[in-house]
Amino acid sequence: MLAGAIGEEAAAASGALWLPTNLNDVTNDEILVIPGVGDRMAHEFEEYRPYVDMGEFRLEIGKYVDESEVARFERYVTLNQPGKLVWSVLPLAVIAATGVATSYPAVGDWV
């Protein structure tokens, strides 16, 4: 029904959009909203906070899941630090509307 109202491409894009969760500044309930995160992983995400960078996130979470699962989790998280600006979401709607793709920092990269 949504696809018919806004078009197939727009429906696919809206389903792919995710506002990354800042692991350094969220509650357990907010962590549990991340796809594939249960109580055990939420505990592990919280245990190592604050994360300094994505390398630390990969190292610590990699103790509990394989590399592909860590990479999947990375799509849903960011590690904003106070006073630091981190790009966390690509403006997919702008790219889809204009057809112009621009290079942006990856989730968790320091800007």
C-alpha atoms as a PDB file:
ATOM      1  CA  MET A   1       0.000   0.000   0.000  1.00  0.00           C
ATOM      2  CA  LEU A   2       2.800   2.450   0.893  1.00  0.00           C
ATOM      3  CA  ALA A   3       4.602   1.627  -2.337  1.00  0.00           C
ATOM      4  CA  GLY A   4       1.528   2.510  -4.367  1.00  0.00           C
ATOM      5  CA  ALA A   5       1.116   5.829  -2.579  1.00  0.00           C
ATOM      6  CA  ILE A   6       4.701   7.070  -2.856  1.00  0.00           C
ATOM      7  CA  GLY A   7       6.221   4.927  -5.590  1.00  0.00           C
ATOM      8  CA  GLU A   8       8.261   1.742  -5.519  1.00  0.00           C
ATOM      9  CA  GLU A   9      11.685   3.415  -5.303  1.00  0.00           C
ATOM     10  CA  ALA A  10      10.664   5.785  -2.515  1.00  0.00           C
ATOM     11  CA  ALA A  11       9.149   2.920  -0.520  1.00  0.00           C
ATOM     12  CA  ALA A  12      12.352   0.905  -0.863  1.00  0.00           C
ATOM     13  CA  ALA A  13      14.451   3.901   0.198  1.00  0.00           C
ATOM     14  CA  SER A  14      12.286   4.646   3.233  1.00  0.00           C
ATOM     15  CA  GLY A  15      12.639   1.038   4.380  1.00  0.00           C
ATOM     16  CA  ALA A  16      16.421   1.292   4.058  1.00  0.00           C
ATOM     17  CA  LEU A  17      16.740   4.493   6.082  1.00  0.00           C
ATOM     18  CA  TRP A  18      17.916   4.109   9.619  1.00  0.00           C
ATOM     19  CA  LEU A  19      19.011   6.836  11.977  1.00  0.00           C
ATOM     20  CA  PRO A  20      22.086   5.349  13.672  1.00  0.00           C
ATOM     21  CA  THR A  21      21.964   4.948  17.436  1.00  0.00           C
ATOM     22  CA  ASN A  22      24.688   6.739  19.385  1.00  0.00           C
ATOM     23  CA  LEU A  23      25.904   3.939  21.649  1.00  0.00           C
ATOM     24  CA  ASN A  24      27.681   6.393  23.941  1.00  0.00           C
ATOM     25  CA  ASP A  25      24.466   8.209  24.784  1.00  0.00           C
ATOM     26  CA  VAL A  26      21.450   5.876  24.731  1.00  0.00           C
ATOM     27  CA  THR A  27      19.412   3.777  27.105  1.00  0.00           C
ATOM     28  CA  ASN A  28      19.200   0.006  27.122  1.00  0.00           C
ATOM     29  CA  ASP A  29      15.703   0.227  25.627  1.00  0.00           C
ATOM     30  CA  GLU A  30      17.033   2.281  22.704  1.00  0.00           C
ATOM     31  CA  ILE A  31      19.809  -0.257  22.098  1.00  0.00           C
ATOM     32  CA  LEU A  32      17.225  -3.043  21.989  1.00  0.00           C
ATOM     33  CA  VAL A  33      15.572  -1.325  18.997  1.00  0.00           C
ATOM     34  CA  ILE A  34      18.658  -2.043  16.867  1.00  0.00           C
ATOM     35  CA  PRO A  35      17.788  -4.952  14.543  1.00  0.00           C
ATOM     36  CA  GLY A  36      19.189  -8.225  15.839  1.00  0.00           C
ATOM     37  CA  VAL A  37      20.126  -6.948  19.299  1.00  0.00           C
ATOM     38  CA  GLY A  38      18.754  -8.896  22.235  1.00  0.00           C
ATOM     39  CA  ASP A  39      19.312  -8.523  25.959  1.00  0.00           C
ATOM     40  CA  ARG A  40      22.745 -10.167  25.884  1.00  0.00           C
ATOM     41  CA  MET A  41      24.139  -7.971  23.090  1.00  0.00           C
ATOM     42  CA  ALA A  42      22.574  -4.860  24.606  1.00  0.00           C
ATOM     43  CA  HIS A  43      24.467  -5.656  27.802  1.00  0.00           C
ATOM     44  CA  GLU A  44      27.723  -6.072  25.842  1.00  0.00           C
ATOM     45  CA  PHE A  45      27.149  -2.804  23.964  1.00  0.00           C
ATOM     46  CA  GLU A  46      26.665  -1.017  27.303  1.00  0.00           C
ATOM     47  CA  GLU A  47      29.517  -2.739  29.130  1.00  0.00           C
ATOM     48  CA  TYR A  48      32.260  -1.129  27.040  1.00  0.00           C
ATOM     49  CA  ARG A  49      30.902   2.425  26.934  1.00  0.00           C
ATOM     50  CA  PRO A  50      32.072   4.983  26.234  1.00  0.00           C
ATOM     51  CA  TYR A  51      33.592   3.818  22.968  1.00  0.00           C
ATOM     52  CA  VAL A  52      36.466   5.979  21.758  1.00  0.00           C
ATOM     53  CA  ASP A  53      36.140   4.949  18.099  1.00  0.00           C
ATOM     54  CA  MET A  54      34.779   2.262  15.803  1.00  0.00           C
ATOM     55  CA  GLY A  55      37.997   0.274  16.116  1.00  0.00           C
ATOM     56  CA  GLU A  56      37.312  -0.175  19.825  1.00  0.00           C
ATOM     57  CA  PHE A  57      33.688  -1.085  19.055  1.00  0.00           C
ATOM     58  CA  ARG A  58      34.855  -3.747  16.559  1.00  0.00           C
ATOM     59  CA  LEU A  59      37.388  -5.157  19.008  1.00  0.00           C
ATOM     60  CA  GLU A  60      35.035  -5.408  21.977  1.00  0.00           C
ATOM     61  CA  ILE A  61      31.887  -6.573  20.182  1.00  0.00           C
ATOM     62  CA  GLY A  62      33.995  -8.933  18.044  1.00  0.00           C
ATOM     63  CA  LYS A  63      34.568 -10.955  21.209  1.00  0.00           C
ATOM     64  CA  TYR A  64      30.909 -12.017  21.098  1.00  0.00           C
ATOM     65  CA  VAL A  65      29.940 -12.182  17.405  1.00  0.00           C
ATOM     66  CA  ASP A  66      31.748 -12.815  14.140  1.00  0.00           C
ATOM     67  CA  GLU A  67      33.153 -10.116  11.865  1.00  0.00           C
ATOM     68  CA  SER A  68      30.140 -10.056   9.542  1.00  0.00           C
ATOM     69  CA  GLU A  69      27.774  -9.489  12.473  1.00  0.00           C
ATOM     70  CA  VAL A  70      29.981  -6.678  13.816  1.00  0.00           C
ATOM     71  CA  ALA A  71      29.893  -5.085  10.350  1.00  0.00           C
ATOM     72  CA  ARG A  72      26.097  -5.434  10.299  1.00  0.00           C
ATOM     73  CA  PHE A  73      25.815  -3.760  13.712  1.00  0.00           C
ATOM     74  CA  GLU A  74      28.032  -0.913  12.478  1.00  0.00           C
ATOM     75  CA  ARG A  75      25.316   0.051   9.985  1.00  0.00           C
ATOM     76  CA  TYR A  76      23.025   0.851  12.901  1.00  0.00           C
ATOM     77  CA  VAL A  77      25.323   2.653  15.326  1.00  0.00           C
ATOM     78  CA  THR A  78      27.439   5.749  15.702  1.00  0.00           C
ATOM     79  CA  LEU A  79      29.786   6.801  18.474  1.00  0.00           C
ATOM     80  CA  ASN A  80      29.340  10.538  18.750  1.00  0.00           C
ATOM     81  CA  GLN A  81      31.544  12.043  21.405  1.00  0.00           C
ATOM     82  CA  PRO A  82      30.725  15.324  23.181  1.00  0.00           C
ATOM     83  CA  GLY A  83      32.163  18.193  21.182  1.00  0.00           C
ATOM     84  CA  LYS A  84      32.815  16.057  18.092  1.00  0.00           C
ATOM     85  CA  LEU A  85      30.821  16.111  14.899  1.00  0.00           C
ATOM     86  CA  VAL A  86      30.264  12.753  13.257  1.00  0.00           C
ATOM     87  CA  TRP A  87      28.295  12.214  10.072  1.00  0.00           C
ATOM     88  CA  SER A  88      25.957   9.369  10.729  1.00  0.00           C
ATOM     89  CA  VAL A  89      23.399   9.225   7.913  1.00  0.00           C
ATOM     90  CA  LEU A  90      23.773   9.652   4.183  1.00  0.00           C
ATOM     91  CA  PRO A  91      21.131  11.978   2.738  1.00  0.00           C
ATOM     92  CA  LEU A  92      19.602   9.193   0.657  1.00  0.00           C
ATOM     93  CA  ALA A  93      16.463  11.158  -0.152  1.00  0.00           C
ATOM     94  CA  VAL A  94      18.570  13.924  -1.696  1.00  0.00           C
ATOM     95  CA  ILE A  95      20.643  11.460  -3.704  1.00  0.00           C
ATOM     96  CA  ALA A  96      17.501   9.643  -4.880  1.00  0.00           C
ATOM     97  CA  ALA A  97      15.777  12.902  -5.826  1.00  0.00           C
ATOM     98  CA  THR A  98      18.730  14.436  -7.663  1.00  0.00           C
ATOM     99  CA  GLY A  99      20.590  11.388  -8.897  1.00  0.00           C
ATOM    100  CA  VAL A 100      23.772  13.004  -7.590  1.00  0.00           C
ATOM    101  CA  ALA A 101      25.958  10.819  -5.398  1.00  0.00           C
ATOM    102  CA  THR A 102      28.465  12.564  -3.173  1.00  0.00           C
ATOM    103  CA  SER A 103      31.140  11.005  -1.021  1.00  0.00           C
ATOM    104  CA  TYR A 104      30.464  11.289   2.705  1.00  0.00           C
ATOM    105  CA  PRO A 105      32.309   9.949   5.734  1.00  0.00           C
ATOM    106  CA  ALA A 106      31.212   6.502   6.886  1.00  0.00           C
ATOM    107  CA  VAL A 107      29.234   5.943  10.057  1.00  0.00           C
ATOM    108  CA  GLY A 108      31.547   6.440  12.997  1.00  0.00           C
ATOM    109  CA  ASP A 109      34.258   8.331  11.089  1.00  0.00           C
ATOM    110  CA  TRP A 110      35.612  11.426  12.776  1.00  0.00           C
ATOM    111  CA  VAL A 111      35.102  14.601  10.821  1.00  0.00           C
END
